[in-house]
Protein backbone atom coordinates (compact mmCIF):
# COMPACT_ATOMS: atom_id res chain seq x y z
CA ILE A 1 0.41 -0.38 0.66
CA ILE A 2 1.18 3.51 -0.52
CA ASP A 3 -0.46 6.71 -0.31
CA SER A 4 1.67 8.99 1.99
CA THR A 5 1.95 12.73 2.15
CA ARG A 6 5.45 12.45 0.53
CA SER A 7 4.65 10.25 -2.26
CA PHE A 8 1.28 12.50 -3.05
CA SER A 9 3.70 15.74 -3.32
CA THR A 10 5.99 13.50 -6.36
CA GLN A 11 3.15 12.78 -7.79
CA LYS A 12 2.38 16.45 -7.85
CA ILE A 13 5.75 17.35 -9.19
CA ALA A 14 5.60 15.17 -11.71
CA ALA A 15 2.06 16.02 -12.84
CA GLY A 16 3.58 19.58 -13.07
CA LEU A 17 6.48 18.48 -15.05
CA ALA A 18 4.22 16.47 -17.52
CA ARG A 19 1.77 19.13 -18.29
CA THR A 20 4.59 22.04 -18.64
CA LEU A 21 6.16 19.19 -21.19
CA ALA A 22 2.74 18.53 -23.00
CA HIS A 23 1.93 22.12 -23.38
CA GLU A 24 5.83 22.11 -25.24
CA VAL A 25 4.67 19.39 -27.59
CA LYS A 26 1.71 20.86 -28.43
CA ASN A 27 2.85 22.99 -31.09
CA PRO A 28 5.44 20.70 -32.86
CA LEU A 29 2.56 18.10 -32.98
CA SER A 30 0.69 20.71 -35.19
CA GLY A 31 3.63 20.67 -37.66
CA ILE A 32 4.65 17.46 -38.17
CA LYS A 33 0.95 16.51 -39.13
CA GLY A 34 0.61 19.79 -41.17
CA SER A 35 3.88 18.23 -43.21
CA ALA A 36 2.91 15.12 -43.18
CA GLN A 37 -0.93 16.52 -44.82
CA ILE A 38 1.09 18.90 -47.50
CA LEU A 39 3.36 15.72 -48.92
CA LYS A 40 0.12 13.49 -48.94
CA SER A 41 -1.20 16.04 -51.69
CA LYS A 42 2.33 15.80 -53.52
CA TYR A 43 2.71 12.13 -53.60
CA ALA A 44 0.16 9.52 -54.60
CA ASP A 45 1.64 6.55 -54.39
CA ASP A 46 0.80 3.76 -52.09
CA PHE A 47 4.42 3.35 -50.68
CA SER A 48 4.40 7.39 -49.53
CA LYS A 49 0.62 7.36 -49.09
CA LYS A 50 0.77 4.17 -46.45
CA PHE A 51 3.78 5.78 -43.72
CA LEU A 52 2.37 9.39 -44.12
CA LYS A 53 -1.00 8.15 -42.63
CA ILE A 54 1.13 6.25 -40.17
CA ILE A 55 2.47 9.83 -39.26
CA GLU A 56 -0.79 11.39 -39.07
CA GLU A 57 -2.63 8.48 -37.17
CA GLU A 58 0.50 8.48 -34.56
CA THR A 59 0.46 12.62 -34.65
CA ASP A 60 -3.24 12.61 -33.46
CA ARG A 61 -2.60 9.68 -30.98
CA LEU A 62 -0.04 12.04 -29.06
CA ASN A 63 -2.09 15.17 -29.41
CA GLU A 64 -4.91 13.45 -27.84
CA ILE A 65 -2.73 12.38 -24.62
CA VAL A 66 -1.29 15.80 -24.55
CA THR A 67 -5.33 17.22 -24.53
CA ARG A 68 -5.41 15.51 -21.81
CA ILE A 69 -3.02 16.21 -19.66
CA LEU A 70 -3.82 20.26 -20.65
CA THR A 71 -7.02 19.70 -19.83
CA PRO A 72 -8.02 21.12 -16.13
CA ALA A 73 -10.25 18.49 -13.76
CA LYS A 74 -13.79 19.87 -14.13
CA LYS A 75 -15.39 20.99 -11.05
CA PRO A 76 -17.79 18.53 -9.21
CA THR A 77 -21.18 18.81 -8.75
CA PHE A 78 -22.38 16.97 -5.59
CA GLU A 79 -25.50 15.59 -5.22
CA TYR A 80 -26.43 12.10 -4.00
CA PHE A 81 -26.53 9.33 -6.17
CA ASN A 82 -26.86 5.41 -5.39
CA LEU A 83 -23.42 3.93 -5.56
CA HIS A 84 -24.28 0.08 -7.18
CA GLU A 85 -26.33 1.96 -10.59
CA SER A 86 -23.42 3.75 -10.77
CA LEU A 87 -21.95 0.39 -10.50
CA GLN A 88 -23.31 -0.88 -13.02
CA ARG A 89 -22.93 1.67 -15.67
CA VAL A 90 -19.63 1.11 -15.00
CA LEU A 91 -19.85 -2.10 -16.46
CA ALA A 92 -21.89 -1.71 -19.21
CA LEU A 93 -20.01 1.09 -20.32
CA SER A 94 -16.20 -1.07 -20.30
CA ASN A 95 -18.42 -3.83 -22.10
CA ALA A 96 -17.23 -6.25 -19.57
CA GLU A 97 -19.98 -8.28 -19.33
CA SER A 98 -20.16 -9.20 -23.05
CA GLN A 99 -16.32 -9.80 -23.15
CA GLU A 100 -16.05 -13.56 -23.87
CA ASN A 101 -14.73 -15.80 -20.84
CA LEU A 102 -14.50 -13.16 -18.54
CA ILE A 103 -16.03 -13.89 -14.98
CA ILE A 104 -17.65 -10.97 -13.42
CA ASP A 105 -18.21 -11.17 -9.46
CA ARG A 106 -20.63 -9.15 -7.72
CA ASP A 107 -20.36 -8.65 -3.90
CA TYR A 108 -22.25 -5.16 -3.26
CA ASP A 109 -23.53 -4.05 0.38
CA PRO A 110 -27.27 -3.50 -0.07
CA SER A 111 -27.40 -1.45 2.95
CA ILE A 112 -24.61 1.58 2.09
CA PRO A 113 -26.90 4.22 1.55
CA GLU A 114 -26.77 6.75 -1.43
CA ILE A 115 -23.66 8.46 -1.29
CA ASN A 116 -22.45 12.42 -2.11
CA GLY A 117 -20.58 13.06 -4.92
CA ASP A 118 -20.00 13.95 -8.47
CA GLU A 119 -21.69 10.52 -10.27
CA ASN A 120 -20.09 11.46 -13.69
CA LEU A 121 -16.51 11.38 -12.10
CA PHE A 122 -17.32 8.95 -9.91
CA ILE A 123 -18.31 6.68 -13.05
CA GLN A 124 -15.40 7.60 -14.91
CA ALA A 125 -12.57 6.63 -11.92
CA ILE A 126 -13.96 3.34 -11.59
CA LEU A 127 -14.25 2.80 -15.70
CA ASN A 128 -10.67 3.65 -15.38
CA ILE A 129 -10.07 1.41 -12.69
CA VAL A 130 -12.00 -1.63 -14.25
CA LYS A 131 -10.20 -0.70 -18.01
CA ASN A 132 -6.89 -1.20 -16.35
CA ALA A 133 -7.97 -4.62 -15.04
CA GLN A 134 -9.65 -5.41 -18.33
CA GLN A 135 -6.23 -5.28 -20.02
CA ALA A 136 -4.30 -6.55 -17.07
CA ILE A 137 -6.64 -9.93 -17.60
CA GLU A 138 -6.69 -9.93 -21.94
CA ASN A 139 -4.02 -13.24 -21.55
CA THR A 140 -5.86 -14.59 -18.78
CA GLU A 141 -6.63 -18.03 -18.36
CA ASP A 142 -10.49 -18.26 -16.44
CA ALA A 143 -10.30 -14.43 -16.53
CA SER A 144 -12.31 -12.88 -13.59
CA ILE A 145 -12.95 -9.19 -12.06
CA THR A 146 -14.43 -8.90 -8.58
CA ILE A 147 -16.11 -5.43 -7.61
CA LYS A 148 -17.13 -5.42 -3.91
CA SER A 149 -18.15 -2.53 -2.01
CA ARG A 150 -18.50 -2.15 2.06
CA ILE A 151 -18.69 0.15 4.95
CA LYS A 152 -15.69 -0.02 6.84
CA TYR A 153 -14.55 2.26 9.98
CA GLY A 154 -12.15 3.49 11.31
CA LYS A 155 -10.34 3.51 8.21
CA PRO A 156 -6.92 6.46 7.52
CA ILE A 157 -7.32 8.10 4.30
CA ASN A 158 -4.37 11.06 3.51
CA GLY A 159 -2.95 10.75 6.40
CA LEU A 160 -6.50 11.42 9.00
CA VAL A 161 -8.69 8.86 9.89
CA HIS A 162 -12.87 8.72 9.55
CA GLN A 163 -14.88 6.47 11.75
CA THR A 164 -17.10 5.63 8.55
CA VAL A 165 -15.96 5.01 5.03
CA CYS A 166 -17.39 3.18 1.67
CA CYS A 167 -14.75 1.37 0.51
CA ILE A 168 -14.84 -0.29 -3.37
CA GLU A 169 -12.46 -2.92 -3.88
CA ILE A 170 -12.04 -3.63 -7.74
CA LYS A 171 -9.71 -7.42 -8.25
CA ASP A 172 -8.50 -9.43 -11.04
CA ASN A 173 -6.53 -12.48 -11.67
CA GLY A 174 -4.30 -11.11 -13.46
CA PRO A 175 -0.25 -11.10 -13.44
CA GLY A 176 -0.32 -7.85 -11.11
CA ILE A 177 1.96 -4.22 -11.23
CA PRO A 178 5.58 -5.22 -11.73
CA ASP A 179 7.60 -4.73 -8.42
CA ASP A 180 9.80 -1.54 -10.13
CA ILE A 181 6.91 0.66 -10.68
CA HIS A 182 4.81 -0.29 -7.48
CA ASP A 183 6.01 3.67 -5.90
CA GLN A 184 4.99 5.07 -9.50
CA VAL A 185 2.12 3.49 -10.56
CA PHE A 186 0.01 6.92 -9.98
CA PHE A 187 2.34 8.97 -11.87
CA PRO A 188 1.20 10.46 -15.26
CA MET A 189 3.06 8.46 -18.43
CA VAL A 190 3.84 5.30 -16.22
CA SER A 191 2.09 2.43 -17.80
CA VAL A 192 3.35 -0.91 -17.86
CA LYS A 193 1.40 -1.37 -21.68
CA GLU A 194 2.78 -0.95 -24.87
CA ASN A 195 0.73 1.67 -26.35
CA GLY A 196 -0.29 2.91 -22.41
CA SER A 197 -0.72 7.01 -21.74
CA GLY A 198 -0.28 6.32 -18.12
CA LEU A 199 -3.27 8.80 -17.17
CA GLY A 200 -5.68 5.97 -16.31
CA LEU A 201 -4.64 5.87 -12.82
CA THR A 202 -3.38 9.93 -12.38
CA ILE A 203 -6.98 10.89 -13.30
CA ALA A 204 -8.85 8.74 -11.16
CA GLN A 205 -7.14 9.17 -8.32
CA ASP A 206 -7.36 12.77 -8.67
CA ILE A 207 -11.21 12.59 -9.05
CA ILE A 208 -11.51 10.10 -5.54
CA ARG A 209 -9.31 12.97 -3.70
CA ILE A 210 -11.12 15.70 -5.08
CA HIS A 211 -14.20 13.69 -2.72
CA GLY A 212 -11.90 13.30 0.33
CA GLY A 213 -11.52 9.99 -0.69
CA GLY A 214 -8.04 8.10 -1.86
CA ILE A 215 -6.72 5.02 -3.64
CA VAL A 216 -4.50 2.23 -2.27
CA PHE A 217 -3.41 -0.85 -3.85
CA SER A 218 -1.53 -4.06 -3.53
CA SER A 219 -0.28 -6.31 -6.22
CA ASN A 220 -3.39 -6.50 -8.20
CA LEU A 221 -6.26 -5.51 -5.92
CA LEU A 222 -6.98 -1.71 -6.02
CA PRO A 223 -9.34 -0.26 -3.65
CA LEU A 224 -10.71 3.25 -2.97
CA CYS A 225 -12.27 4.99 -0.10
CA ALA A 226 -13.97 7.83 0.51
CA ASP A 227 -15.42 9.03 3.44
C-alpha cells in the first residue's frame, strides 16, 4: 500500500512536469501533421501514402494524450446518487459483461445508502480502474474481475482517520503490477502497457481525492475509499 503525503507531493511535481512538457509538445505536433498532409497531397504512390498515414494517425494519438494532460479537471457537482447503479453503469460502459470468458463477480453491500459526490466523475474514475483490470487479464485463463462494496470503520485516508467510510475494491486475477513501478503507479506517463498513456490511474486518483477519498493498491488489488 502506498499513499503517503511524500508520495503525493512527488506525484504533484511529476504531474506539473508532464503538463509543462505536454504544452511544449503541442505546437510541434501541429507542424508535423501539417507537413505530413502537404506531402500526402504531393506524393500519391501507395508507399508514401502508407507511411504518411501512420505519421498523421500517431500525431493525432499523441495530440489526444497531450490534450488530456492539459485539460483542467472538471469542477465537481455534488449530489446524492446510488453507488451500485453507478457501478453497473461502469460495467456497461466497459463492455465487461459482454467480454468472452470473463467472469464478473459483484459483491455489493445493499445496506450502503446513497453517497454524496459527482456521479459522472465517480463513474470515470471507476471506469479507468476497471479498464486497467480488463487489460491486465487479456491473456489470463479463467479471467475474472470482482467488484466489492463495503462500509468500513476507523479507516485512515490521506493521513486522517475517518469513523465511517465507503470502500470499493476492484480485483482482477491478472499478473499484477511489476514491483519496480509500485511507487510510480499513480504518476502520469507511467504504464506497463506498450501503447498506454499512463493517465488512467492518475486521473482516477485526482477524482477520488476531490471527493475526500484515496486509492491504495497491493499487487493486483485496487480499493478506493471515501468518507
